[in-house]
Amino acid sequence: MIIPCIDLQGGKAVQLVRGRKLVLSVNDVLGLLDRFRDYPILHVIDLDAAIGTGSNGRWIKILSRRAKMEIRVGGGIRSAARAAQILSWGAEKIIVGSAAFRDGKIAHDFLQQLRARVGRKNVILALDTERGQIVVRGWRQRLKLRPVDVIPELEPYCSGFLCTFVDNEGTMKGTDLAWFRKLRRITKKPITAAGGIRTQREVRALEKIGMHAAVGMAIYLGKLSGS
């Protein structure tokens, strides 16, 4: 299944290459709800909150309340209270990345608090990876950890994982299917794959191993090709 993404920056929906270079900007954020109305799930990510430069909370609240599909929200969720607030707006699940780690290690205390406050069924943990290592803070800080090292310890805190192959994010070069197959062998929990996915063939390959595909650039540019 394909999951489209609305990445928010400065009140606009944007598409970036590897989280840095702006390639596309959409002013009509609400219009995207209509464009994506036939998809059962939508990811909404607050990029400003992720890197600590601002917040698009107003838009997240509006999108969560107006969407007809399941909304999953991520970006800058660093407290159990914030997670609960976003869920109260109508989001089905929250996506937590940076806050799951502290001082280069798993933040068990925070994750236990989060699980107690909102329930692990409402939590997806983001394991964004560049050059084989997990990256946090809007992909600007690299940890000495790999997803395969931490997934078993993180399983008790979440309902699934969002794994982004940052190396190819926004590049339209395709993704690394071998990497996702390796992750699939580590856990039986649901995994949503992201990062460079540009063909229906990749989507089908991911479906074959039981993963959804979060797609941004290829959908926005209308270039999600069949092969």
C-alpha atoms as a PDB file:
ATOM      1  CA  MET A   1       0.000   0.000   0.000  1.00  0.00           C
ATOM      2  CA  ILE A   2       1.156   3.505  -0.837  1.00  0.00           C
ATOM      3  CA  ILE A   3       1.060   6.156   1.899  1.00  0.00           C
ATOM      4  CA  PRO A   4       1.409   9.745   0.609  1.00  0.00           C
ATOM      5  CA  CYS A   5       3.187  12.350   2.735  1.00  0.00           C
ATOM      6  CA  ILE A   6       2.564  15.985   3.562  1.00  0.00           C
ATOM      7  CA  ASP A   7       5.819  17.460   4.889  1.00  0.00           C
ATOM      8  CA  LEU A   8       5.181  20.871   6.442  1.00  0.00           C
ATOM      9  CA  GLN A   9       7.684  23.726   6.494  1.00  0.00           C
ATOM     10  CA  GLY A  10       6.779  27.362   7.023  1.00  0.00           C
ATOM     11  CA  GLY A  11       3.078  26.634   6.603  1.00  0.00           C
ATOM     12  CA  LYS A  12       3.587  25.011   3.208  1.00  0.00           C
ATOM     13  CA  ALA A  13       3.814  21.441   1.992  1.00  0.00           C
ATOM     14  CA  VAL A  14       7.327  20.848   0.714  1.00  0.00           C
ATOM     15  CA  GLN A  15       9.500  18.175  -0.783  1.00  0.00           C
ATOM     16  CA  LEU A  16      13.191  18.172   0.062  1.00  0.00           C
ATOM     17  CA  VAL A  17      16.179  16.166  -1.094  1.00  0.00           C
ATOM     18  CA  ARG A  18      17.670  14.329   1.908  1.00  0.00           C
ATOM     19  CA  GLY A  19      15.825  16.733   4.197  1.00  0.00           C
ATOM     20  CA  ARG A  20      17.790  19.800   3.075  1.00  0.00           C
ATOM     21  CA  LYS A  21      17.449  20.987  -0.521  1.00  0.00           C
ATOM     22  CA  LEU A  22      14.013  22.405  -1.325  1.00  0.00           C
ATOM     23  CA  VAL A  23      12.693  21.078  -4.625  1.00  0.00           C
ATOM     24  CA  LEU A  24       8.949  21.675  -4.427  1.00  0.00           C
ATOM     25  CA  SER A  25       6.590  23.864  -2.391  1.00  0.00           C
ATOM     26  CA  VAL A  26       2.773  23.757  -2.290  1.00  0.00           C
ATOM     27  CA  ASN A  27       0.795  26.641  -0.799  1.00  0.00           C
ATOM     28  CA  ASP A  28      -2.594  24.896  -0.901  1.00  0.00           C
ATOM     29  CA  VAL A  29      -2.042  22.451   1.941  1.00  0.00           C
ATOM     30  CA  LEU A  30      -5.750  21.693   2.345  1.00  0.00           C
ATOM     31  CA  GLY A  31      -5.997  20.956  -1.365  1.00  0.00           C
ATOM     32  CA  LEU A  32      -3.703  18.005  -0.814  1.00  0.00           C
ATOM     33  CA  LEU A  33      -6.355  16.320   1.323  1.00  0.00           C
ATOM     34  CA  ASP A  34      -8.578  16.199  -1.736  1.00  0.00           C
ATOM     35  CA  ARG A  35      -5.703  15.053  -3.940  1.00  0.00           C
ATOM     36  CA  PHE A  36      -4.934  12.183  -1.554  1.00  0.00           C
ATOM     37  CA  ARG A  37      -8.548  11.347  -0.665  1.00  0.00           C
ATOM     38  CA  ASP A  38      -8.415   7.841  -2.174  1.00  0.00           C
ATOM     39  CA  TYR A  39      -5.514   6.737   0.013  1.00  0.00           C
ATOM     40  CA  PRO A  40      -6.430   5.076   3.336  1.00  0.00           C
ATOM     41  CA  ILE A  41      -3.468   6.504   5.277  1.00  0.00           C
ATOM     42  CA  LEU A  42      -1.661   9.852   5.162  1.00  0.00           C
ATOM     43  CA  HIS A  43       1.588  10.885   6.848  1.00  0.00           C
ATOM     44  CA  VAL A  44       1.868  14.492   8.054  1.00  0.00           C
ATOM     45  CA  ILE A  45       5.343  15.545   9.190  1.00  0.00           C
ATOM     46  CA  ASP A  46       6.241  18.867  10.838  1.00  0.00           C
ATOM     47  CA  LEU A  47       9.754  19.530   9.518  1.00  0.00           C
ATOM     48  CA  ASP A  48      10.135  22.806  11.416  1.00  0.00           C
ATOM     49  CA  ALA A  49       9.369  21.089  14.714  1.00  0.00           C
ATOM     50  CA  ALA A  50      11.726  18.246  13.828  1.00  0.00           C
ATOM     51  CA  ILE A  51      14.725  20.583  13.584  1.00  0.00           C
ATOM     52  CA  GLY A  52      13.517  22.915  16.338  1.00  0.00           C
ATOM     53  CA  THR A  53      12.973  26.037  14.242  1.00  0.00           C
ATOM     54  CA  GLY A  54       9.213  26.403  14.587  1.00  0.00           C
ATOM     55  CA  SER A  55       5.909  24.613  14.528  1.00  0.00           C
ATOM     56  CA  ASN A  56       3.163  23.829  12.045  1.00  0.00           C
ATOM     57  CA  GLY A  57       0.817  22.723  14.793  1.00  0.00           C
ATOM     58  CA  ARG A  58      -2.032  24.823  13.399  1.00  0.00           C
ATOM     59  CA  TRP A  59      -1.937  22.941  10.116  1.00  0.00           C
ATOM     60  CA  ILE A  60      -1.558  19.574  11.801  1.00  0.00           C
ATOM     61  CA  LYS A  61      -4.659  20.288  13.859  1.00  0.00           C
ATOM     62  CA  ILE A  62      -6.657  21.312  10.791  1.00  0.00           C
ATOM     63  CA  LEU A  63      -5.510  18.350   8.694  1.00  0.00           C
ATOM     64  CA  SER A  64      -6.142  15.862  11.500  1.00  0.00           C
ATOM     65  CA  ARG A  65      -9.683  17.104  11.992  1.00  0.00           C
ATOM     66  CA  ARG A  66     -10.650  17.385   8.334  1.00  0.00           C
ATOM     67  CA  ALA A  67      -9.045  14.288   6.875  1.00  0.00           C
ATOM     68  CA  LYS A  68     -11.278  11.408   5.832  1.00  0.00           C
ATOM     69  CA  MET A  69      -8.406   8.927   6.004  1.00  0.00           C
ATOM     70  CA  GLU A  70      -6.177   7.745   8.843  1.00  0.00           C
ATOM     71  CA  ILE A  71      -3.636  10.424   9.765  1.00  0.00           C
ATOM     72  CA  ARG A  72      -0.231   9.655  11.241  1.00  0.00           C
ATOM     73  CA  VAL A  73       1.652  12.672  12.552  1.00  0.00           C
ATOM     74  CA  GLY A  74       5.360  13.087  13.230  1.00  0.00           C
ATOM     75  CA  GLY A  75       8.018  15.740  13.627  1.00  0.00           C
ATOM     76  CA  GLY A  76       9.220  17.229  16.890  1.00  0.00           C
ATOM     77  CA  ILE A  77       7.103  15.112  19.219  1.00  0.00           C
ATOM     78  CA  ARG A  78       9.350  15.132  22.274  1.00  0.00           C
ATOM     79  CA  SER A  79       6.934  14.754  25.164  1.00  0.00           C
ATOM     80  CA  ALA A  80       4.117  12.410  26.100  1.00  0.00           C
ATOM     81  CA  ALA A  81       1.875  15.451  26.581  1.00  0.00           C
ATOM     82  CA  ARG A  82       2.474  16.621  23.012  1.00  0.00           C
ATOM     83  CA  ALA A  83       1.770  13.140  21.697  1.00  0.00           C
ATOM     84  CA  ALA A  84      -1.514  13.017  23.610  1.00  0.00           C
ATOM     85  CA  GLN A  85      -2.479  16.464  22.337  1.00  0.00           C
ATOM     86  CA  ILE A  86      -1.947  15.494  18.691  1.00  0.00           C
ATOM     87  CA  LEU A  87      -3.957  12.311  19.151  1.00  0.00           C
ATOM     88  CA  SER A  88      -6.758  14.411  20.685  1.00  0.00           C
ATOM     89  CA  TRP A  89      -6.893  16.434  17.453  1.00  0.00           C
ATOM     90  CA  GLY A  90      -7.843  13.316  15.523  1.00  0.00           C
ATOM     91  CA  ALA A  91      -4.553  11.714  14.492  1.00  0.00           C
ATOM     92  CA  GLU A  92      -4.679   7.920  14.579  1.00  0.00           C
ATOM     93  CA  LYS A  93      -0.996   7.445  15.418  1.00  0.00           C
ATOM     94  CA  ILE A  94       1.997   9.580  16.291  1.00  0.00           C
ATOM     95  CA  ILE A  95       5.467   9.073  14.821  1.00  0.00           C
ATOM     96  CA  VAL A  96       8.408   9.552  17.188  1.00  0.00           C
ATOM     97  CA  GLY A  97      12.030   9.625  16.069  1.00  0.00           C
ATOM     98  CA  SER A  98      14.566  11.870  17.798  1.00  0.00           C
ATOM     99  CA  ALA A  99      12.978  11.635  21.253  1.00  0.00           C
ATOM    100  CA  ALA A 100      13.398   7.865  21.241  1.00  0.00           C
ATOM    101  CA  PHE A 101      17.120   8.444  21.736  1.00  0.00           C
ATOM    102  CA  ARG A 102      19.152  10.394  24.286  1.00  0.00           C
ATOM    103  CA  ASP A 103      22.920  10.709  24.493  1.00  0.00           C
ATOM    104  CA  GLY A 104      23.295   8.247  21.668  1.00  0.00           C
ATOM    105  CA  LYS A 105      21.278   5.538  23.403  1.00  0.00           C
ATOM    106  CA  ILE A 106      17.663   4.418  23.550  1.00  0.00           C
ATOM    107  CA  ALA A 107      15.649   6.742  25.821  1.00  0.00           C
ATOM    108  CA  HIS A 108      13.863   4.000  27.744  1.00  0.00           C
ATOM    109  CA  ASP A 109      12.507   6.384  30.397  1.00  0.00           C
ATOM    110  CA  PHE A 110      10.815   8.588  27.810  1.00  0.00           C
ATOM    111  CA  LEU A 111       9.469   5.650  25.838  1.00  0.00           C
ATOM    112  CA  GLN A 112       8.009   4.109  28.978  1.00  0.00           C
ATOM    113  CA  GLN A 113       6.283   7.417  29.792  1.00  0.00           C
ATOM    114  CA  LEU A 114       4.986   7.666  26.229  1.00  0.00           C
ATOM    115  CA  ARG A 115       3.626   4.131  26.299  1.00  0.00           C
ATOM    116  CA  ALA A 116       1.933   4.731  29.629  1.00  0.00           C
ATOM    117  CA  ARG A 117       0.325   7.992  28.446  1.00  0.00           C
ATOM    118  CA  VAL A 118      -0.901   7.100  24.936  1.00  0.00           C
ATOM    119  CA  GLY A 119      -0.498   3.335  24.580  1.00  0.00           C
ATOM    120  CA  ARG A 120       1.986   1.614  22.300  1.00  0.00           C
ATOM    121  CA  LYS A 121      -0.731   0.870  19.707  1.00  0.00           C
ATOM    122  CA  ASN A 122      -0.772   4.612  18.962  1.00  0.00           C
ATOM    123  CA  VAL A 123       3.008   4.917  18.554  1.00  0.00           C
ATOM    124  CA  ILE A 124       5.168   4.419  15.473  1.00  0.00           C
ATOM    125  CA  LEU A 125       8.910   4.767  15.967  1.00  0.00           C
ATOM    126  CA  ALA A 126      10.907   6.360  13.156  1.00  0.00           C
ATOM    127  CA  LEU A 127      14.309   4.883  12.369  1.00  0.00           C
ATOM    128  CA  ASP A 128      15.729   7.187   9.718  1.00  0.00           C
ATOM    129  CA  THR A 129      19.072   5.984   8.421  1.00  0.00           C
ATOM    130  CA  GLU A 130      21.894   7.600   6.466  1.00  0.00           C
ATOM    131  CA  ARG A 131      25.131   5.793   5.629  1.00  0.00           C
ATOM    132  CA  GLY A 132      23.907   2.887   7.693  1.00  0.00           C
ATOM    133  CA  GLN A 133      23.436   4.857  10.917  1.00  0.00           C
ATOM    134  CA  ILE A 134      20.339   6.322  12.560  1.00  0.00           C
ATOM    135  CA  VAL A 135      19.957  10.073  12.108  1.00  0.00           C
ATOM    136  CA  VAL A 136      17.880  12.382  14.319  1.00  0.00           C
ATOM    137  CA  ARG A 137      17.027  16.091  14.719  1.00  0.00           C
ATOM    138  CA  GLY A 138      15.706  16.449  11.199  1.00  0.00           C
ATOM    139  CA  TRP A 139      18.449  14.095   9.923  1.00  0.00           C
ATOM    140  CA  ARG A 140      21.148  16.520  11.023  1.00  0.00           C
ATOM    141  CA  GLN A 141      22.671  14.404  13.797  1.00  0.00           C
ATOM    142  CA  ARG A 142      24.062  10.917  13.216  1.00  0.00           C
ATOM    143  CA  LEU A 143      24.101   8.339  16.004  1.00  0.00           C
ATOM    144  CA  LYS A 144      26.446   5.388  16.366  1.00  0.00           C
ATOM    145  CA  LEU A 145      23.459   3.078  16.113  1.00  0.00           C
ATOM    146  CA  ARG A 146      21.943   1.008  13.330  1.00  0.00           C
ATOM    147  CA  PRO A 147      18.290  -0.006  13.085  1.00  0.00           C
ATOM    148  CA  VAL A 148      19.184  -3.688  13.339  1.00  0.00           C
ATOM    149  CA  ASP A 149      20.888  -2.967  16.672  1.00  0.00           C
ATOM    150  CA  VAL A 150      17.914  -1.270  18.318  1.00  0.00           C
ATOM    151  CA  ILE A 151      14.724  -2.671  16.793  1.00  0.00           C
ATOM    152  CA  PRO A 152      14.441  -5.604  19.239  1.00  0.00           C
ATOM    153  CA  GLU A 153      14.721  -3.232  22.229  1.00  0.00           C
ATOM    154  CA  LEU A 154      12.219  -0.780  20.739  1.00  0.00           C
ATOM    155  CA  GLU A 155       9.505  -3.308  19.905  1.00  0.00           C
ATOM    156  CA  PRO A 156       7.797  -3.125  23.344  1.00  0.00           C
ATOM    157  CA  TYR A 157       7.164   0.604  22.930  1.00  0.00           C
ATOM    158  CA  CYS A 158       5.405   0.759  19.560  1.00  0.00           C
ATOM    159  CA  SER A 159       2.948  -0.736  17.111  1.00  0.00           C
ATOM    160  CA  GLY A 160       5.405  -0.512  14.214  1.00  0.00           C
ATOM    161  CA  PHE A 161       8.281   1.316  12.575  1.00  0.00           C
ATOM    162  CA  LEU A 162       8.775   3.966   9.896  1.00  0.00           C
ATOM    163  CA  CYS A 163      12.161   3.323   8.294  1.00  0.00           C
ATOM    164  CA  THR A 164      13.515   5.941   5.904  1.00  0.00           C
ATOM    165  CA  PHE A 165      16.508   5.320   3.658  1.00  0.00           C
ATOM    166  CA  VAL A 166      17.656   8.934   3.879  1.00  0.00           C
ATOM    167  CA  ASP A 167      20.511   8.462   1.395  1.00  0.00           C
ATOM    168  CA  ASN A 168      17.966   8.433  -1.458  1.00  0.00           C
ATOM    169  CA  GLU A 169      15.184  10.547   0.048  1.00  0.00           C
ATOM    170  CA  GLY A 170      13.763  12.933  -2.536  1.00  0.00           C
ATOM    171  CA  THR A 171      16.299  11.944  -5.186  1.00  0.00           C
ATOM    172  CA  MET A 172      13.959   9.915  -7.432  1.00  0.00           C
ATOM    173  CA  LYS A 173      16.757   7.357  -7.737  1.00  0.00           C
ATOM    174  CA  GLY A 174      14.831   4.477  -6.243  1.00  0.00           C
ATOM    175  CA  THR A 175      15.301   2.911  -2.838  1.00  0.00           C
ATOM    176  CA  ASP A 176      17.418   0.090  -1.370  1.00  0.00           C
ATOM    177  CA  LEU A 177      15.191  -2.983  -1.324  1.00  0.00           C
ATOM    178  CA  ALA A 178      17.976  -5.195   0.071  1.00  0.00           C
ATOM    179  CA  TRP A 179      18.200  -2.931   3.121  1.00  0.00           C
ATOM    180  CA  PHE A 180      14.473  -3.211   3.759  1.00  0.00           C
ATOM    181  CA  ARG A 181      14.576  -6.992   3.368  1.00  0.00           C
ATOM    182  CA  LYS A 182      17.271  -7.052   6.046  1.00  0.00           C
ATOM    183  CA  LEU A 183      15.055  -5.016   8.379  1.00  0.00           C
ATOM    184  CA  ARG A 184      12.137  -7.334   7.688  1.00  0.00           C
ATOM    185  CA  ARG A 185      14.142 -10.251   9.060  1.00  0.00           C
ATOM    186  CA  ILE A 186      14.699  -8.398  12.341  1.00  0.00           C
ATOM    187  CA  THR A 187      11.064  -7.822  13.365  1.00  0.00           C
ATOM    188  CA  LYS A 188       7.571  -9.069  12.688  1.00  0.00           C
ATOM    189  CA  LYS A 189       6.057  -5.692  13.553  1.00  0.00           C
ATOM    190  CA  PRO A 190       4.682  -3.558  10.707  1.00  0.00           C
ATOM    191  CA  ILE A 191       7.287  -1.523   8.845  1.00  0.00           C
ATOM    192  CA  THR A 192       6.559   1.413   6.567  1.00  0.00           C
ATOM    193  CA  ALA A 193       9.389   1.938   4.091  1.00  0.00           C
ATOM    194  CA  ALA A 194      10.395   5.383   2.801  1.00  0.00           C
ATOM    195  CA  GLY A 195      13.228   7.068   0.963  1.00  0.00           C
ATOM    196  CA  GLY A 196      13.528   7.351  -2.787  1.00  0.00           C
ATOM    197  CA  ILE A 197      10.656   5.058  -3.750  1.00  0.00           C
ATOM    198  CA  ARG A 198       9.707   5.950  -7.313  1.00  0.00           C
ATOM    199  CA  THR A 199       8.190   2.913  -9.054  1.00  0.00           C
ATOM    200  CA  GLN A 200       5.222   0.615  -8.666  1.00  0.00           C
ATOM    201  CA  ARG A 201       7.703  -2.248  -8.960  1.00  0.00           C
ATOM    202  CA  GLU A 202       9.349  -1.106  -5.731  1.00  0.00           C
ATOM    203  CA  VAL A 203       5.963  -0.743  -4.068  1.00  0.00           C
ATOM    204  CA  ARG A 204       5.058  -4.302  -5.092  1.00  0.00           C
ATOM    205  CA  ALA A 205       8.433  -5.625  -3.889  1.00  0.00           C
ATOM    206  CA  LEU A 206       7.852  -3.994  -0.516  1.00  0.00           C
ATOM    207  CA  GLU A 207       4.309  -5.351  -0.338  1.00  0.00           C
ATOM    208  CA  LYS A 208       5.709  -8.815  -1.008  1.00  0.00           C
ATOM    209  CA  ILE A 209       7.722  -8.624   2.220  1.00  0.00           C
ATOM    210  CA  GLY A 210       4.835  -7.095   4.145  1.00  0.00           C
ATOM    211  CA  MET A 211       5.729  -3.405   4.079  1.00  0.00           C
ATOM    212  CA  HIS A 212       3.790  -0.277   3.148  1.00  0.00           C
ATOM    213  CA  ALA A 213       5.511   2.385   1.045  1.00  0.00           C
ATOM    214  CA  ALA A 214       5.538   6.046   2.138  1.00  0.00           C
ATOM    215  CA  VAL A 215       5.975   8.075  -1.046  1.00  0.00           C
ATOM    216  CA  GLY A 216       6.522  11.791  -1.452  1.00  0.00           C
ATOM    217  CA  MET A 217       8.435  13.205  -4.406  1.00  0.00           C
ATOM    218  CA  ALA A 218       7.275  10.641  -6.970  1.00  0.00           C
ATOM    219  CA  ILE A 219       3.610  11.347  -6.172  1.00  0.00           C
ATOM    220  CA  TYR A 220       3.985  15.131  -6.134  1.00  0.00           C
ATOM    221  CA  LEU A 221       5.755  15.107  -9.489  1.00  0.00           C
ATOM    222  CA  GLY A 222       3.343  12.566 -10.960  1.00  0.00           C
ATOM    223  CA  LYS A 223       6.205  10.211 -11.763  1.00  0.00           C
ATOM    224  CA  LEU A 224       5.354   7.067  -9.809  1.00  0.00           C
ATOM    225  CA  SER A 225       6.168   4.869 -12.794  1.00  0.00           C
ATOM    226  CA  GLY A 226       5.148   1.265 -13.265  1.00  0.00           C
ATOM    227  CA  SER A 227       8.631  -0.189 -13.643  1.00  0.00           C
END
